Amino acid sequence: MRFQPHPIPTLLLLLVLLPLFVGLGFWQLDRAQQKRTTADTMETRRKLPPLAIPNEQATAEALEFRTLSVSGHFVPAGQLLITNRKHLGKPGFHVITPLRLLGSDRHLLVNRGWVAAVNNRPPELETPTGAITLTGETNIPSAPAIELAFDPHASTLWPFLTLENYRAWTGLDIFPFIMLQSPDSPHGFVRAWTTARPGEGMHLGYAIQWFAFGLLSLALWLRLSLTRLSSLVTVEENC
């Protein structure tokens, strides 16, 4: 007996799958455009001269990727280490230190770079005293896709940095972004920041894949429908 699917269930299935695949394809095209826009913004802002943090409440998005020049005092009591950070295959930590800006009560979190672990433990670190001037690029930290629960008050070794957790831990008035300290700026550690342009190719590939699935589902439905129609015509001719 030949398989002859009923037209109504197959049509209903097509009406579900085709819009789904097409929608996913356009979503990936939109993601590619977002990456393209981010890359263009990054390249443009990185070419601009260093900027002092504006006195007004500047948004993180407006300053992202800009190079800042700031002066202030490090606050050692607010320093923490981000664990499980590797450099050239070696385990270590990122050092996060708040900088209290001169003439202000606000603090800017500075990622001073990477330090190697010593026997799987943090090394002894020195935090400079006195007024200093630093430069670096603004960055908006975000939690990982899968955020494991942890108590920010339990230790100064954190698995990741979020500004909300930091505010809850210290109570400091901080800016809505951090600064990745420049390699030529003093009082830092290893600073090999990623500067590659965000890629859009992956999203374009996924878009082509979803559109292909939609085209395949339509072609398969047409093939099954034509097969059934041909079978019905043959039956009628034999009657």
Protein backbone atom coordinates (compact mmCIF):
# COMPACT_ATOMS: atom_id res chain seq x y z
CA MET A 1 0.00 0.00 0.00
CA ARG A 2 1.35 3.40 -0.97
CA PHE A 3 1.50 6.15 1.63
CA GLN A 4 -1.09 8.82 0.83
CA PRO A 5 -1.16 11.62 3.44
CA HIS A 6 -4.44 13.43 3.97
CA PRO A 7 -4.33 16.97 2.50
CA ILE A 8 -5.82 18.82 5.50
CA PRO A 9 -3.27 17.68 8.16
CA THR A 10 -0.36 18.27 5.78
CA LEU A 11 -1.70 21.73 4.90
CA LEU A 12 -2.08 22.61 8.59
CA LEU A 13 1.48 21.41 9.23
CA LEU A 14 2.74 23.55 6.35
CA LEU A 15 0.89 26.60 7.70
CA VAL A 16 2.75 26.12 10.98
CA LEU A 17 6.22 25.26 9.70
CA LEU A 18 6.52 27.68 6.79
CA PRO A 19 5.87 30.89 8.79
CA LEU A 20 8.09 29.54 11.57
CA PHE A 21 11.05 28.91 9.29
CA VAL A 22 10.62 32.20 7.44
CA GLY A 23 10.28 34.10 10.73
CA LEU A 24 13.45 32.52 12.08
CA GLY A 25 15.25 33.42 8.88
CA PHE A 26 14.28 37.10 9.12
CA TRP A 27 15.18 37.08 12.82
CA GLN A 28 18.69 35.93 11.94
CA LEU A 29 18.91 38.65 9.26
CA ASP A 30 17.96 41.18 11.94
CA ARG A 31 20.65 39.79 14.25
CA ALA A 32 23.18 40.16 11.43
CA GLN A 33 22.14 43.79 10.96
CA GLN A 34 22.55 44.41 14.69
CA LYS A 35 26.08 42.98 14.58
CA ARG A 36 26.83 45.13 11.52
CA THR A 37 25.59 48.27 13.30
CA THR A 38 27.57 47.44 16.43
CA ALA A 39 30.72 46.89 14.40
CA ASP A 40 30.31 50.21 12.57
CA THR A 41 29.72 52.04 15.85
CA MET A 42 32.75 50.36 17.41
CA GLU A 43 35.06 51.33 14.56
CA THR A 44 33.82 54.93 14.49
CA ARG A 45 34.07 55.53 18.24
CA ARG A 46 37.48 53.90 18.61
CA LYS A 47 38.91 56.47 16.21
CA LEU A 48 37.74 59.39 18.37
CA PRO A 49 40.12 61.10 20.83
CA PRO A 50 39.93 60.29 24.57
CA LEU A 51 36.90 61.73 26.31
CA ALA A 52 36.43 62.95 29.86
CA ILE A 53 33.30 61.50 31.48
CA PRO A 54 30.54 64.10 31.01
CA ASN A 55 29.15 65.74 34.14
CA GLU A 56 25.61 65.00 33.03
CA GLN A 57 24.14 61.51 33.34
CA ALA A 58 25.47 59.94 30.16
CA THR A 59 23.99 56.62 29.14
CA ALA A 60 26.20 53.56 28.84
CA GLU A 61 25.09 53.02 25.23
CA ALA A 62 26.13 56.56 24.26
CA LEU A 63 29.65 56.04 25.63
CA GLU A 64 30.23 52.39 24.75
CA PHE A 65 33.53 51.78 22.89
CA ARG A 66 34.69 55.36 23.61
CA THR A 67 38.15 55.85 25.09
CA LEU A 68 37.93 57.70 28.40
CA SER A 69 40.53 59.71 30.28
CA VAL A 70 39.75 59.84 34.00
CA SER A 71 41.48 61.00 37.17
CA GLY A 72 40.81 59.87 40.72
CA HIS A 73 41.80 57.58 43.57
CA PHE A 74 41.57 53.80 43.67
CA VAL A 75 39.41 52.38 46.47
CA PRO A 76 41.07 49.11 47.57
CA ALA A 77 38.14 48.10 49.80
CA GLY A 78 35.96 47.73 46.70
CA GLN A 79 38.40 45.60 44.73
CA LEU A 80 37.39 42.12 43.56
CA LEU A 81 38.69 39.40 41.26
CA ILE A 82 36.80 37.69 38.44
CA THR A 83 37.73 34.01 38.46
CA ASN A 84 38.40 31.51 35.66
CA ARG A 85 39.97 33.98 33.26
CA LYS A 86 42.70 32.59 31.02
CA HIS A 87 45.56 34.22 29.15
CA LEU A 88 47.70 32.15 26.77
CA GLY A 89 46.18 29.04 28.30
CA LYS A 90 47.12 29.94 31.87
CA PRO A 91 44.46 30.32 34.61
CA GLY A 92 44.10 33.60 36.40
CA PHE A 93 41.86 36.49 37.37
CA HIS A 94 40.65 39.86 36.13
CA VAL A 95 41.22 42.63 38.66
CA ILE A 96 38.28 45.03 39.14
CA THR A 97 39.06 48.16 41.16
CA PRO A 98 36.76 51.16 41.72
CA LEU A 99 38.19 54.58 40.94
CA ARG A 100 36.65 57.49 42.84
CA LEU A 101 36.71 60.43 40.46
CA LEU A 102 38.36 63.65 41.58
CA GLY A 103 35.83 66.15 42.87
CA SER A 104 33.01 63.60 42.82
CA ASP A 105 31.39 60.90 44.93
CA ARG A 106 30.87 58.68 41.89
CA HIS A 107 33.02 55.68 41.15
CA LEU A 108 34.11 54.11 37.88
CA LEU A 109 34.88 50.40 37.89
CA VAL A 110 38.20 49.74 36.17
CA ASN A 111 39.18 46.35 34.82
CA ARG A 112 42.94 46.60 35.35
CA GLY A 113 43.66 43.41 33.44
CA TRP A 114 44.65 39.80 34.00
CA VAL A 115 46.89 38.32 36.70
CA ALA A 116 48.08 34.72 36.87
CA ALA A 117 46.94 32.41 39.63
CA VAL A 118 49.60 31.25 42.12
CA ASN A 119 48.96 27.64 43.13
CA ASN A 120 45.34 28.15 42.01
CA ARG A 121 45.03 31.10 44.38
CA PRO A 122 45.04 34.87 43.80
CA PRO A 123 48.42 36.59 43.97
CA GLU A 124 49.25 39.42 46.33
CA LEU A 125 48.24 42.67 44.66
CA GLU A 126 49.26 46.24 45.34
CA THR A 127 46.82 49.06 44.81
CA PRO A 128 48.44 52.47 44.26
CA THR A 129 47.53 55.37 46.50
CA GLY A 130 47.20 58.99 45.54
CA ALA A 131 45.63 60.64 42.53
CA ILE A 132 46.16 58.90 39.18
CA THR A 133 45.05 59.43 35.60
CA LEU A 134 44.00 56.44 33.51
CA THR A 135 42.71 55.81 30.02
CA GLY A 136 40.61 52.95 28.73
CA GLU A 137 37.65 51.86 26.66
CA THR A 138 34.12 51.75 28.04
CA ASN A 139 32.46 48.36 28.29
CA ILE A 140 29.00 47.23 29.41
CA PRO A 141 29.37 44.00 31.40
CA SER A 142 26.62 41.41 31.25
CA ALA A 143 25.91 38.16 33.05
CA PRO A 144 26.50 34.88 31.21
CA ALA A 145 23.65 33.15 29.38
CA ILE A 146 23.39 30.65 32.24
CA GLU A 147 23.77 32.58 35.48
CA LEU A 148 24.71 30.44 38.46
CA ALA A 149 23.54 31.79 41.80
CA PHE A 150 26.21 33.08 44.15
CA ASP A 151 26.42 35.34 47.19
CA PRO A 152 28.29 38.55 46.26
CA HIS A 153 28.87 39.25 49.97
CA ALA A 154 30.58 35.92 50.66
CA SER A 155 33.87 36.56 48.87
CA THR A 156 35.82 38.97 46.68
CA LEU A 157 36.24 36.14 44.14
CA TRP A 158 33.33 36.39 41.72
CA PRO A 159 32.54 34.16 38.72
CA PHE A 160 31.36 37.19 36.70
CA LEU A 161 30.68 40.89 37.15
CA THR A 162 27.30 42.56 37.04
CA LEU A 163 26.82 46.16 38.12
CA GLU A 164 23.69 45.28 40.08
CA ASN A 165 25.57 42.79 42.25
CA TYR A 166 28.39 45.25 42.75
CA ARG A 167 26.05 48.02 43.89
CA ALA A 168 24.40 45.60 46.32
CA TRP A 169 27.80 44.53 47.68
CA THR A 170 29.39 47.96 48.14
CA GLY A 171 26.58 50.51 48.10
CA LEU A 172 28.82 52.74 45.94
CA ASP A 173 27.45 55.16 43.37
CA ILE A 174 28.94 53.71 40.18
CA PHE A 175 28.64 54.52 36.50
CA PRO A 176 26.51 52.16 34.36
CA PHE A 177 29.61 50.84 32.60
CA ILE A 178 33.19 49.83 33.35
CA MET A 179 36.50 50.82 31.81
CA LEU A 180 38.92 48.35 30.22
CA GLN A 181 42.24 49.94 31.12
CA SER A 182 44.48 50.68 28.15
CA PRO A 183 47.73 48.70 27.81
CA ASP A 184 49.78 51.92 27.96
CA SER A 185 47.99 53.22 31.06
CA PRO A 186 49.86 52.81 34.40
CA HIS A 187 49.02 50.60 37.40
CA GLY A 188 47.48 47.79 35.35
CA PHE A 189 48.24 44.17 34.62
CA VAL A 190 48.06 42.08 31.42
CA ARG A 191 45.57 43.82 29.12
CA ALA A 192 44.99 41.85 25.93
CA TRP A 193 41.47 43.01 25.18
CA THR A 194 39.53 41.63 22.24
CA THR A 195 39.24 44.23 19.46
CA ALA A 196 37.91 42.07 16.63
CA ARG A 197 34.93 43.30 14.61
CA PRO A 198 31.72 41.43 15.59
CA GLY A 199 30.98 38.88 12.88
CA GLU A 200 27.70 38.77 11.01
CA GLY A 201 28.48 35.75 8.84
CA MET A 202 27.18 33.21 11.34
CA HIS A 203 23.75 34.86 11.41
CA LEU A 204 23.61 35.08 7.61
CA GLY A 205 24.40 31.37 7.44
CA TYR A 206 21.63 30.56 9.89
CA ALA A 207 19.20 32.74 7.91
CA ILE A 208 19.96 30.83 4.71
CA GLN A 209 19.47 27.57 6.61
CA TRP A 210 16.02 28.56 7.93
CA PHE A 211 14.87 29.85 4.55
CA ALA A 212 16.06 26.57 3.02
CA PHE A 213 14.00 24.63 5.56
CA GLY A 214 10.96 26.72 4.62
CA LEU A 215 11.51 26.10 0.92
CA LEU A 216 12.03 22.40 1.57
CA SER A 217 8.82 22.11 3.57
CA LEU A 218 6.87 23.86 0.78
CA ALA A 219 8.45 21.63 -1.87
CA LEU A 220 7.70 18.51 0.15
CA TRP A 221 4.06 19.54 0.62
CA LEU A 222 3.68 20.22 -3.10
CA ARG A 223 5.24 16.86 -3.92
CA LEU A 224 2.88 15.00 -1.57
CA SER A 225 -0.10 16.95 -2.85
CA LEU A 226 0.74 16.22 -6.49
CA THR A 227 1.29 12.56 -5.66
CA ARG A 228 -2.12 12.34 -4.02
CA LEU A 229 -3.76 14.20 -6.91
CA SER A 230 -2.13 11.83 -9.40
CA SER A 231 -3.39 8.84 -7.39
CA LEU A 232 -6.94 10.20 -7.35
CA VAL A 233 -6.87 10.76 -11.11
CA THR A 234 -5.64 7.19 -11.66
CA VAL A 235 -8.41 5.78 -9.47
CA GLU A 236 -11.06 7.75 -11.37
CA GLU A 237 -9.72 6.52 -14.73
CA ASN A 238 -9.85 2.92 -13.56
CA CYS A 239 -13.46 3.21 -12.42
